[in-house]
Amino acid sequence: MKKILTLWLAMGLFALLFVGSSMASGDDDQVSMYTIAGGDSGFPAPYSHYPRGGGYVYMSLIFDTLVWKNETGYVPALAESWEMEGDDTYVFHLRDDVTWNDGVKFTADDVVFTIDYTKDHPYIWASTAMVEGAEKVDDYTVKMYLSEPYAPFIDEVGGTHPILPEHVYEGVDDPENFQDEAAATGTGPYTLADYDKVQETYRFVARDDYYGGSPRARELRIVKVSPEMASAALAQGDVDAVSISQDMIEHLENQGLSILTSSANGWAYKLMINHQKEPISDERFRQALAYAIDREQLVEIVGRGRGLVGNQGSVPPYHSWYNPDVEEYQHSPDKARELLDDMGYNGEAIELLTKGGSVEYERIAELIKEDLEEVGINVDLRAMDSKTVDSKVGDWEFDLAVSGHGGAIGDPNFLAKMNSGWQFNSDRYSEDQELNDLLEEQVTETDEDDRRDMIDRIQVLYAEDVPAIVLFYPEWAWAHDGQVDLYYTVDGVANGIPIPLNKLAFVGREG
């Protein structure tokens, strides 16, 4: 039988072969200051950053995980190697040359503490619920005992969960509000020099004692730049890297700037649906929404022809676990009207939220409003700031909301997190018992063929139930000045963040 877990075993056994090249690219010249166009993503500590990709990426400059990824795959981080004992025990062999940025030595005690701490204080990006216990074998060896086999363990825990300093966090009972200087005590390549929530800026300073080598980029700054001014700021040299719209690619290329594009990045625009509220709770209404929305038009107009129509099975068509045999809801206003008539829909208004200040989000919402009103659904469109939309969705204070998030790459367990998980981007759909049972069972199935059958069935059920609508997968573009060799991390930073700001790119290569 093909065992998924064998892959992790092989990676762990041969990890040392790659440690010399694990610190990603760049030449030997130092960059004194590197400025990235971004914005506020919260205080960059594990429990206080915002639950968005930017928040995790900024935090990861300070905090390390046991395992990490670069542009090609898994590489050692705090664990220089790892292996499995049986199918439910992981052994991590830790580096012995690591210190926290306050000078205290990093040991196995910190890893054991982190696992224990998360039992009372779950971390939003990586559940450790499957870990029955962590044991210190010696100062630089840790065993983790799982309650049952867990196929995506390395991806979701080893490569995503930041390790905490025991000497700092052991007395912290409210980590979400712990934002003192000590809260940013990490083992990563940078320390936090300044965070200004009002100005939405960050300043990170390189650590010369970083175990992966002294970072090539000596200082990193994150500054707030509006989408309208992003390209101009790069062209004028005010920033060194920025996310850009598709219509700016050719213009910036002509100015000699470097362009990174990716359509296989696991990111999707998505229509969140309050399936707990009538008439939206009726499956027919949700299916009518799917037929009514012209997703190809969204790709052409909003994505400027760059991107892919969303797969209603929720696995992107470029993913190795994609099932093509699901209902795709080809645009059909007539089918939408039939479903609405069948359920006796009376035309009551539906509120549609979108994120103001973003041309893409606002245009998507406008086009959806037009499509829905064409089939007789009255739409009240409201634009709000991003945090408010996320909050309203989380509190079920909405009907429909245009959203978007990454993560649909890497291990297919993202299906469970996006459907029945508790993250901000989860559909939190529990009405289909078969669907939720399969989502729970697939993580313990280590035979790849059997697990694939389960994942295929999950996609079919998800497409039938329409807990949310995957609108389209855009091609993302970043432009930069070439001082640092940025790249899209294989399967995304951590467990699927499609932002080309991997911390290893700023460190440079070890000898």
Protein backbone atom coordinates (compact mmCIF):
# COMPACT_ATOMS: atom_id res chain seq x y z
CA MET A 1 0.00 0.00 0.00
CA LYS A 2 1.06 3.52 -0.67
CA LYS A 3 1.55 5.14 2.66
CA ILE A 4 1.39 8.90 2.86
CA LEU A 5 3.30 8.84 6.11
CA THR A 6 6.24 7.17 4.38
CA LEU A 7 6.83 10.47 2.61
CA TRP A 8 7.29 12.31 5.91
CA LEU A 9 9.65 9.57 7.12
CA ALA A 10 11.82 9.92 4.06
CA MET A 11 11.89 13.68 4.43
CA GLY A 12 12.96 13.46 8.03
CA LEU A 13 15.70 10.89 7.43
CA PHE A 14 17.26 12.89 4.62
CA ALA A 15 16.62 16.38 6.00
CA LEU A 16 20.25 16.84 7.00
CA LEU A 17 21.28 16.51 3.38
CA PHE A 18 19.46 19.75 2.64
CA VAL A 19 20.24 21.87 5.66
CA GLY A 20 23.14 23.53 3.88
CA SER A 21 20.87 24.78 1.12
CA SER A 22 17.76 25.42 3.17
CA MET A 23 18.30 29.12 3.50
CA ALA A 24 16.91 30.49 0.32
CA SER A 25 18.50 32.43 -2.39
CA GLY A 26 20.19 35.70 -3.03
CA ASP A 27 23.75 36.76 -3.68
CA ASP A 28 26.30 37.67 -1.04
CA ASP A 29 25.56 41.43 -1.12
CA GLN A 30 23.71 42.78 1.88
CA VAL A 31 20.53 44.81 1.59
CA SER A 32 20.53 47.49 4.27
CA MET A 33 16.77 48.05 4.24
CA TYR A 34 14.01 46.28 2.35
CA THR A 35 10.53 47.83 2.29
CA ILE A 36 7.37 45.87 1.57
CA ALA A 37 3.99 47.40 0.82
CA GLY A 38 1.55 45.88 3.28
CA GLY A 39 -0.50 47.14 6.18
CA ASP A 40 -1.62 46.34 9.69
CA SER A 41 -1.90 42.62 10.43
CA GLY A 42 -1.80 42.85 14.20
CA PHE A 43 0.98 42.49 16.74
CA PRO A 44 3.41 39.90 15.28
CA ALA A 45 3.24 37.31 18.05
CA PRO A 46 1.52 33.92 17.67
CA TYR A 47 -1.71 34.73 19.49
CA SER A 48 -2.14 38.38 18.62
CA HIS A 49 -1.58 38.62 14.88
CA TYR A 50 -4.69 38.85 12.70
CA PRO A 51 -6.00 35.53 11.30
CA ARG A 52 -4.92 36.38 7.79
CA GLY A 53 -1.89 35.33 5.77
CA GLY A 54 -0.07 38.61 6.26
CA GLY A 55 -0.37 38.32 10.02
CA TYR A 56 1.17 34.86 10.00
CA VAL A 57 3.97 35.84 7.60
CA TYR A 58 5.01 38.84 9.69
CA MET A 59 4.94 36.72 12.85
CA SER A 60 7.08 34.05 11.15
CA LEU A 61 9.94 36.52 10.78
CA ILE A 62 10.30 36.31 14.57
CA PHE A 63 9.06 32.81 15.41
CA ASP A 64 10.18 29.46 13.97
CA THR A 65 8.49 26.11 13.53
CA LEU A 66 10.03 22.65 13.77
CA VAL A 67 9.95 22.26 9.99
CA TRP A 68 9.71 24.86 7.23
CA LYS A 69 9.36 25.05 3.43
CA ASN A 70 11.23 26.87 0.71
CA GLU A 71 10.61 27.07 -3.04
CA THR A 72 11.07 23.31 -3.52
CA GLY A 73 9.79 21.56 -0.40
CA TYR A 74 10.34 20.83 3.28
CA VAL A 75 13.59 21.86 4.95
CA PRO A 76 14.77 21.64 8.56
CA ALA A 77 14.10 24.49 10.94
CA LEU A 78 14.24 24.01 14.72
CA ALA A 79 14.22 20.28 14.06
CA GLU A 80 17.25 19.26 12.01
CA SER A 81 15.67 15.85 11.31
CA TRP A 82 12.60 13.82 12.20
CA GLU A 83 11.24 10.32 11.79
CA MET A 84 8.27 8.18 12.74
CA GLU A 85 7.91 5.28 15.15
CA GLY A 86 4.94 3.23 14.03
CA ASP A 87 2.15 5.29 12.54
CA ASP A 88 1.29 7.48 15.51
CA THR A 89 4.59 8.71 17.02
CA TYR A 90 6.93 11.41 15.68
CA VAL A 91 10.48 11.91 16.88
CA PHE A 92 12.05 15.34 16.35
CA HIS A 93 15.80 15.83 16.67
CA LEU A 94 16.36 19.49 17.53
CA ARG A 95 19.23 21.80 16.73
CA ASP A 96 21.54 22.47 19.67
CA ASP A 97 22.79 25.87 18.48
CA VAL A 98 19.60 27.93 18.79
CA THR A 99 18.90 30.80 21.17
CA TRP A 100 15.82 32.91 21.71
CA ASN A 101 16.30 36.54 20.75
CA ASP A 102 16.68 37.42 24.46
CA GLY A 103 19.74 35.16 24.69
CA VAL A 104 18.13 32.19 26.46
CA LYS A 105 18.99 28.76 25.06
CA PHE A 106 16.31 26.90 23.09
CA THR A 107 15.74 23.27 24.20
CA ALA A 108 13.25 20.43 24.06
CA ASP A 109 11.51 21.95 27.08
CA ASP A 110 10.20 24.74 24.85
CA VAL A 111 8.69 22.28 22.38
CA VAL A 112 7.00 20.22 25.08
CA PHE A 113 5.74 23.41 26.71
CA THR A 114 4.29 24.65 23.41
CA ILE A 115 2.28 21.47 22.88
CA ASP A 116 1.02 21.52 26.46
CA TYR A 117 0.22 25.24 26.31
CA THR A 118 -1.90 24.86 23.19
CA LYS A 119 -4.21 22.44 24.97
CA ASP A 120 -5.53 25.40 26.97
CA HIS A 121 -4.73 28.04 24.36
CA PRO A 122 -5.41 26.72 20.84
CA TYR A 123 -3.56 28.49 18.05
CA ILE A 124 -5.82 29.54 15.19
CA TRP A 125 -3.50 28.37 12.40
CA ALA A 126 -2.59 24.92 13.69
CA SER A 127 -4.57 22.61 15.94
CA THR A 128 -2.60 20.19 18.13
CA ALA A 129 -5.72 18.33 19.25
CA MET A 130 -4.41 15.09 17.74
CA VAL A 131 -1.28 15.18 19.95
CA GLU A 132 -1.94 13.04 23.00
CA GLY A 133 1.32 14.09 24.61
CA ALA A 134 4.84 15.40 24.03
CA GLU A 135 7.81 13.87 25.82
CA LYS A 136 11.31 15.25 26.30
CA VAL A 137 13.74 12.41 25.56
CA ASP A 138 16.76 14.60 26.17
CA ASP A 139 17.59 18.30 25.80
CA TYR A 140 17.39 18.09 22.00
CA THR A 141 14.98 15.23 21.28
CA VAL A 142 11.19 15.28 21.55
CA LYS A 143 8.64 12.54 20.96
CA MET A 144 5.05 13.41 20.08
CA TYR A 145 2.41 10.75 20.61
CA LEU A 146 -0.73 11.06 18.51
CA SER A 147 -4.11 9.77 19.63
CA GLU A 148 -4.43 8.17 16.18
CA PRO A 149 -2.65 8.40 12.83
CA TYR A 150 -2.88 11.89 11.35
CA ALA A 151 -1.83 12.13 7.71
CA PRO A 152 -1.21 15.91 7.48
CA PHE A 153 0.73 16.20 10.77
CA ILE A 154 3.99 17.58 9.36
CA ASP A 155 2.18 20.07 7.13
CA GLU A 156 -0.27 21.34 9.73
CA VAL A 157 1.67 21.09 12.98
CA GLY A 158 5.37 20.56 12.36
CA GLY A 159 5.51 23.14 9.57
CA THR A 160 2.93 25.64 10.81
CA HIS A 161 2.77 25.85 14.61
CA PRO A 162 5.27 28.40 16.03
CA ILE A 163 7.33 27.19 18.98
CA LEU A 164 6.95 29.34 22.10
CA PRO A 165 9.58 30.25 24.71
CA GLU A 166 8.61 28.53 27.96
CA HIS A 167 10.40 31.12 30.09
CA VAL A 168 8.19 33.87 28.59
CA TYR A 169 4.79 32.29 28.07
CA GLU A 170 4.57 29.97 31.09
CA GLY A 171 2.85 32.67 33.17
CA VAL A 172 0.69 34.13 30.39
CA ASP A 173 -2.99 33.28 30.85
CA ASP A 174 -4.35 35.61 28.16
CA PRO A 175 -1.98 35.30 25.17
CA GLU A 176 -4.35 37.10 22.78
CA ASN A 177 -3.81 40.32 24.74
CA PHE A 178 -0.15 39.70 25.55
CA GLN A 179 1.57 42.35 23.44
CA ASP A 180 4.49 43.39 25.61
CA GLU A 181 7.98 43.45 24.15
CA ALA A 182 8.58 39.97 25.60
CA ALA A 183 5.67 38.56 23.59
CA ALA A 184 7.86 38.86 20.49
CA THR A 185 10.59 36.62 21.90
CA GLY A 186 11.33 34.15 19.12
CA THR A 187 14.08 32.07 17.53
CA GLY A 188 13.56 33.50 14.02
CA PRO A 189 15.90 35.58 11.88
CA TYR A 190 14.46 38.96 12.93
CA THR A 191 13.49 40.87 16.05
CA LEU A 192 10.67 43.39 16.25
CA ALA A 193 12.07 46.90 16.49
CA ASP A 194 8.79 48.76 16.06
CA TYR A 195 5.09 48.18 15.43
CA ASP A 196 2.80 51.17 14.89
CA LYS A 197 -0.82 50.11 14.73
CA VAL A 198 -2.03 53.61 13.84
CA GLN A 199 0.43 54.13 10.98
CA GLU A 200 0.19 50.43 10.05
CA THR A 201 3.94 49.97 9.92
CA TYR A 202 6.45 47.39 11.14
CA ARG A 203 10.22 47.41 11.44
CA PHE A 204 12.18 44.19 11.86
CA VAL A 205 15.93 44.04 12.50
CA ALA A 206 18.19 41.13 11.51
CA ARG A 207 19.71 38.82 14.13
CA ASP A 208 23.40 38.18 13.59
CA ASP A 209 23.21 35.15 15.90
CA TYR A 210 20.46 33.44 13.90
CA TYR A 211 21.24 29.73 13.56
CA GLY A 212 20.54 29.85 9.82
CA GLY A 213 23.12 32.55 9.24
CA SER A 214 23.14 36.31 9.52
CA PRO A 215 20.23 37.61 7.37
CA ARG A 216 21.23 39.25 4.12
CA ALA A 217 18.43 41.80 4.39
CA ARG A 218 19.49 43.76 7.44
CA GLU A 219 16.20 45.51 8.10
CA LEU A 220 12.68 44.85 6.88
CA ARG A 221 9.96 47.45 6.87
CA ILE A 222 6.26 46.94 6.23
CA VAL A 223 4.44 50.14 5.25
CA LYS A 224 0.87 50.98 4.39
CA VAL A 225 0.34 51.74 0.72
CA SER A 226 -3.07 52.04 -0.91
CA PRO A 227 -3.79 49.69 -3.84
CA GLU A 228 -4.08 52.72 -6.12
CA MET A 229 -0.59 53.94 -5.20
CA ALA A 230 1.17 50.57 -4.92
CA SER A 231 2.65 50.44 -8.41
CA ALA A 232 3.72 54.07 -8.31
CA ALA A 233 5.41 53.55 -4.95
CA LEU A 234 7.46 50.70 -6.41
CA ALA A 235 8.34 52.59 -9.57
CA GLN A 236 9.49 55.56 -7.50
CA GLY A 237 11.60 53.40 -5.20
CA ASP A 238 9.50 54.04 -2.09
CA VAL A 239 8.99 50.29 -1.65
CA ASP A 240 10.89 47.25 -2.90
CA ALA A 241 8.03 44.75 -3.24
CA VAL A 242 4.30 45.06 -3.67
CA SER A 243 1.25 43.09 -4.73
CA ILE A 244 -0.04 44.51 -8.03
CA SER A 245 -3.10 44.26 -10.22
CA GLN A 246 -2.91 42.40 -13.50
CA ASP A 247 -3.17 45.54 -15.62
CA MET A 248 0.11 46.83 -14.17
CA ILE A 249 2.25 43.83 -15.11
CA GLU A 250 3.32 44.97 -18.58
CA HIS A 251 3.87 48.56 -17.46
CA LEU A 252 6.18 47.56 -14.62
CA GLU A 253 8.01 44.95 -16.69
CA ASN A 254 8.80 47.69 -19.20
CA GLN A 255 10.42 49.63 -16.37
CA GLY A 256 12.79 46.73 -15.69
CA LEU A 257 11.09 45.51 -12.51
CA SER A 258 10.76 41.82 -11.65
CA ILE A 259 7.32 40.22 -11.78
CA LEU A 260 6.16 37.11 -9.92
CA THR A 261 2.89 35.52 -11.06
CA SER A 262 1.09 32.44 -9.83
CA SER A 263 -2.33 30.99 -10.57
CA ALA A 264 -1.66 27.73 -8.70
CA ASN A 265 -1.48 29.50 -5.36
CA GLY A 266 -4.43 28.07 -3.48
CA TRP A 267 -6.17 31.43 -3.26
CA ALA A 268 -9.80 31.94 -4.24
CA TYR A 269 -12.47 34.59 -4.20
CA LYS A 270 -15.40 33.05 -2.39
CA LEU A 271 -19.01 33.89 -1.68
CA MET A 272 -19.65 33.14 2.00
CA ILE A 273 -23.24 32.03 2.67
CA ASN A 274 -25.23 32.18 5.90
CA HIS A 275 -26.74 28.72 5.49
CA GLN A 276 -28.32 28.96 8.96
CA LYS A 277 -30.78 31.64 7.87
CA GLU A 278 -33.95 31.34 5.79
CA PRO A 279 -34.39 31.27 2.83
CA ILE A 280 -30.64 30.66 2.37
CA SER A 281 -30.81 27.57 4.57
CA ASP A 282 -32.73 25.87 1.75
CA GLU A 283 -30.26 23.94 -0.43
CA ARG A 284 -32.23 24.91 -3.52
CA PHE A 285 -31.67 28.59 -2.84
CA ARG A 286 -27.90 28.05 -2.55
CA GLN A 287 -27.88 26.02 -5.75
CA ALA A 288 -29.82 28.80 -7.45
CA LEU A 289 -27.12 31.25 -6.38
CA ALA A 290 -24.50 29.00 -7.96
CA TYR A 291 -26.38 28.80 -11.26
CA ALA A 292 -27.15 32.53 -11.28
CA ILE A 293 -23.58 33.81 -10.86
CA ASP A 294 -21.58 34.02 -14.07
CA ARG A 295 -18.16 33.02 -12.77
CA GLU A 296 -16.54 33.05 -16.20
CA GLN A 297 -17.51 36.70 -16.44
CA LEU A 298 -15.78 37.31 -13.09
CA VAL A 299 -12.56 35.83 -14.46
CA GLU A 300 -12.76 37.92 -17.63
CA ILE A 301 -13.73 41.24 -16.03
CA VAL A 302 -12.21 41.18 -12.54
CA GLY A 303 -9.34 38.78 -13.27
CA ARG A 304 -8.75 40.38 -16.70
CA GLY A 305 -8.83 36.94 -18.23
CA ARG A 306 -6.11 35.63 -15.88
CA GLY A 307 -7.38 32.94 -13.56
CA LEU A 308 -9.62 29.88 -13.38
CA VAL A 309 -13.33 29.48 -12.71
CA GLY A 310 -13.88 28.13 -9.21
CA ASN A 311 -14.46 24.42 -8.69
CA GLN A 312 -17.58 23.96 -6.57
CA GLY A 313 -15.98 20.84 -5.13
CA SER A 314 -13.60 23.29 -3.43
CA VAL A 315 -10.36 21.69 -4.66
CA PRO A 316 -8.64 23.75 -7.38
CA PRO A 317 -8.28 22.04 -10.78
CA TYR A 318 -4.47 22.34 -10.58
CA HIS A 319 -4.41 20.35 -7.32
CA SER A 320 -3.36 16.67 -7.40
CA TRP A 321 -6.45 15.73 -5.34
CA TYR A 322 -8.93 17.45 -7.69
CA ASN A 323 -12.05 15.49 -8.63
CA PRO A 324 -13.41 16.62 -12.02
CA ASP A 325 -16.66 14.67 -11.59
CA VAL A 326 -18.61 17.18 -9.52
CA GLU A 327 -21.48 19.52 -10.34
CA GLU A 328 -19.90 22.72 -11.66
CA TYR A 329 -23.09 24.82 -11.97
CA GLN A 330 -22.53 26.24 -15.43
CA HIS A 331 -24.11 29.68 -15.65
CA SER A 332 -27.86 29.20 -16.19
CA PRO A 333 -30.31 31.90 -15.10
CA ASP A 334 -33.18 29.62 -16.20
CA LYS A 335 -32.12 26.84 -13.81
CA ALA A 336 -31.74 29.39 -11.04
CA ARG A 337 -35.28 30.67 -11.61
CA GLU A 338 -36.65 27.12 -11.66
CA LEU A 339 -35.12 26.35 -8.28
CA LEU A 340 -36.36 29.60 -6.77
CA ASP A 341 -39.88 29.00 -8.12
CA ASP A 342 -39.82 25.42 -6.82
CA MET A 343 -39.06 26.59 -3.26
CA GLY A 344 -41.60 29.41 -3.40
CA TYR A 345 -39.09 32.23 -3.00
CA ASN A 346 -40.98 35.50 -2.59
CA GLY A 347 -38.27 37.95 -3.64
CA GLU A 348 -37.27 39.15 -0.17
CA ALA A 349 -34.10 41.25 -0.11
CA ILE A 350 -30.76 39.59 0.58
CA GLU A 351 -27.86 41.59 2.02
CA LEU A 352 -24.52 41.22 0.24
CA LEU A 353 -21.40 42.43 2.05
CA THR A 354 -18.10 43.22 0.36
CA LYS A 355 -14.81 44.76 1.32
CA GLY A 356 -14.69 48.45 0.59
CA GLY A 357 -11.51 50.08 -0.66
CA SER A 358 -10.72 47.13 -2.94
CA VAL A 359 -11.56 47.56 -6.60
CA GLU A 360 -11.64 43.79 -7.09
CA TYR A 361 -13.96 43.00 -4.18
CA GLU A 362 -16.32 45.84 -5.01
CA ARG A 363 -16.48 44.90 -8.70
CA ILE A 364 -17.13 41.23 -7.87
CA ALA A 365 -19.99 42.26 -5.61
CA GLU A 366 -21.47 44.55 -8.26
CA LEU A 367 -21.43 41.78 -10.88
CA ILE A 368 -22.95 39.27 -8.45
CA LYS A 369 -25.68 41.76 -7.59
CA GLU A 370 -26.51 42.14 -11.30
CA ASP A 371 -26.62 38.36 -11.80
CA LEU A 372 -28.82 37.72 -8.78
CA GLU A 373 -31.26 40.50 -9.59
CA GLU A 374 -31.57 39.09 -13.11
CA VAL A 375 -33.11 35.90 -11.61
CA GLY A 376 -35.34 37.81 -9.21
CA ILE A 377 -33.24 38.01 -6.03
CA ASN A 378 -33.28 41.55 -4.61
CA VAL A 379 -29.82 42.48 -3.32
CA ASP A 380 -28.84 45.13 -0.77
CA LEU A 381 -25.12 45.69 -1.44
CA ARG A 382 -23.02 47.11 1.41
CA ALA A 383 -19.25 47.80 1.40
CA MET A 384 -17.33 47.68 4.71
CA ASP A 385 -13.72 47.46 5.78
CA SER A 386 -12.13 44.02 5.64
CA LYS A 387 -12.00 43.38 9.40
CA THR A 388 -15.69 44.26 9.79
CA VAL A 389 -16.73 41.87 7.03
CA ASP A 390 -14.67 39.05 8.56
CA SER A 391 -16.15 39.82 11.98
CA LYS A 392 -19.74 39.83 10.71
CA VAL A 393 -19.21 36.55 8.90
CA GLY A 394 -17.70 35.04 12.04
CA ASP A 395 -20.68 36.17 14.13
CA TRP A 396 -23.27 35.03 11.53
CA GLU A 397 -24.41 38.65 11.11
CA PHE A 398 -24.71 38.48 7.33
CA ASP A 399 -26.60 36.90 4.43
CA LEU A 400 -23.94 36.76 1.72
CA ALA A 401 -20.40 38.13 1.77
CA VAL A 402 -17.69 38.36 -0.87
CA SER A 403 -14.53 37.07 0.75
CA GLY A 404 -11.30 35.45 -0.25
CA HIS A 405 -8.53 33.38 1.27
CA GLY A 406 -5.69 31.03 0.49
CA GLY A 407 -4.91 27.59 1.81
CA ALA A 408 -6.39 25.39 -0.93
CA ILE A 409 -3.01 23.79 -1.60
CA GLY A 410 -0.90 21.24 0.19
CA ASP A 411 -2.58 18.43 2.08
CA PRO A 412 -6.29 18.06 1.19
CA ASN A 413 -7.21 18.38 4.84
CA PHE A 414 -7.75 22.04 4.00
CA LEU A 415 -11.24 20.82 3.04
CA ALA A 416 -11.99 20.06 6.68
CA LYS A 417 -10.63 23.37 7.91
CA MET A 418 -12.57 25.33 5.32
CA ASN A 419 -15.83 23.48 5.84
CA SER A 420 -16.15 22.33 9.43
CA GLY A 421 -13.23 24.10 11.09
CA TRP A 422 -13.42 27.13 13.34
CA GLN A 423 -11.18 29.54 11.41
CA PHE A 424 -12.56 32.82 10.09
CA ASN A 425 -12.74 31.39 6.55
CA SER A 426 -14.60 28.21 7.51
CA ASP A 427 -18.08 27.57 6.16
CA ARG A 428 -18.98 25.89 9.49
CA TYR A 429 -21.43 23.63 7.72
CA SER A 430 -22.72 20.69 9.77
CA GLU A 431 -26.02 19.79 8.12
CA ASP A 432 -24.60 16.95 5.98
CA GLN A 433 -23.61 14.12 8.33
CA GLU A 434 -21.92 12.04 5.63
CA LEU A 435 -19.82 15.02 4.55
CA ASN A 436 -18.70 15.85 8.06
CA ASP A 437 -17.99 12.21 8.93
CA LEU A 438 -15.76 11.87 5.87
CA LEU A 439 -13.97 15.12 6.66
CA GLU A 440 -13.20 13.79 10.11
CA GLU A 441 -12.18 10.30 9.00
CA GLN A 442 -9.93 11.15 6.05
CA VAL A 443 -7.10 12.53 8.22
CA THR A 444 -6.61 9.15 9.89
CA GLU A 445 -6.49 7.22 6.61
CA THR A 446 -2.86 6.61 5.69
CA ASP A 447 -3.50 4.50 2.58
CA GLU A 448 -3.40 7.03 -0.22
CA ASP A 449 -5.82 5.22 -2.55
CA ASP A 450 -8.45 4.83 0.17
CA ARG A 451 -8.00 8.42 1.27
CA ARG A 452 -8.36 9.61 -2.33
CA ASP A 453 -11.74 7.85 -2.60
CA MET A 454 -12.85 9.72 0.52
CA ILE A 455 -11.61 13.08 -0.75
CA ASP A 456 -13.37 12.51 -4.08
CA ARG A 457 -16.66 11.83 -2.30
CA ILE A 458 -16.22 14.90 -0.09
CA GLN A 459 -15.94 17.10 -3.18
CA VAL A 460 -19.14 15.63 -4.66
CA LEU A 461 -21.09 16.24 -1.45
CA TYR A 462 -19.72 19.75 -1.01
CA ALA A 463 -20.74 20.65 -4.55
CA GLU A 464 -24.27 19.34 -3.94
CA ASP A 465 -24.73 21.17 -0.63
CA VAL A 466 -23.18 24.53 -1.67
CA PRO A 467 -22.12 25.69 1.82
CA ALA A 468 -20.29 28.49 -0.01
CA ILE A 469 -19.51 29.31 -3.63
CA VAL A 470 -15.95 29.23 -4.94
CA LEU A 471 -16.05 32.11 -7.42
CA PHE A 472 -12.66 31.98 -9.12
CA TYR A 473 -8.96 31.43 -8.60
CA PRO A 474 -7.12 34.61 -9.61
CA GLU A 475 -3.61 34.78 -10.94
CA TRP A 476 -1.65 36.72 -8.39
CA ALA A 477 1.13 39.11 -9.24
CA TRP A 478 3.85 40.71 -7.18
CA ALA A 479 6.40 43.17 -8.48
CA HIS A 480 9.78 43.81 -6.88
CA ASP A 481 13.09 45.50 -7.61
CA GLY A 482 15.19 42.33 -7.67
CA GLN A 483 17.30 43.09 -4.59
CA VAL A 484 15.94 39.93 -2.97
CA ASP A 485 15.05 36.79 -4.89
CA LEU A 486 11.43 36.46 -3.80
CA TYR A 487 9.50 33.28 -4.63
CA TYR A 488 6.22 31.50 -4.05
CA THR A 489 6.73 28.81 -1.43
CA VAL A 490 5.81 25.31 -2.58
CA ASP A 491 2.22 24.69 -1.41
CA GLY A 492 2.27 28.07 0.32
CA VAL A 493 3.96 29.42 3.45
CA ALA A 494 3.07 27.22 6.45
CA ASN A 495 -0.13 25.39 5.59
CA GLY A 496 -0.98 27.29 2.43
CA ILE A 497 -0.38 31.06 2.53
CA PRO A 498 0.12 32.25 -1.08
CA ILE A 499 2.33 35.26 -0.31
CA PRO A 500 5.86 35.33 -1.82
CA LEU A 501 7.48 36.64 1.37
CA ASN A 502 9.12 33.50 2.74
CA LYS A 503 11.53 34.55 5.49
CA LEU A 504 14.27 32.35 4.01
CA ALA A 505 14.41 34.62 0.96
CA PHE A 506 15.66 37.42 3.20
CA VAL A 507 18.26 35.32 4.97
CA GLY A 508 20.42 34.20 2.04
CA ARG A 509 22.27 30.96 1.55
CA GLU A 510 24.40 29.20 4.08
CA GLY A 511 27.87 28.34 2.98
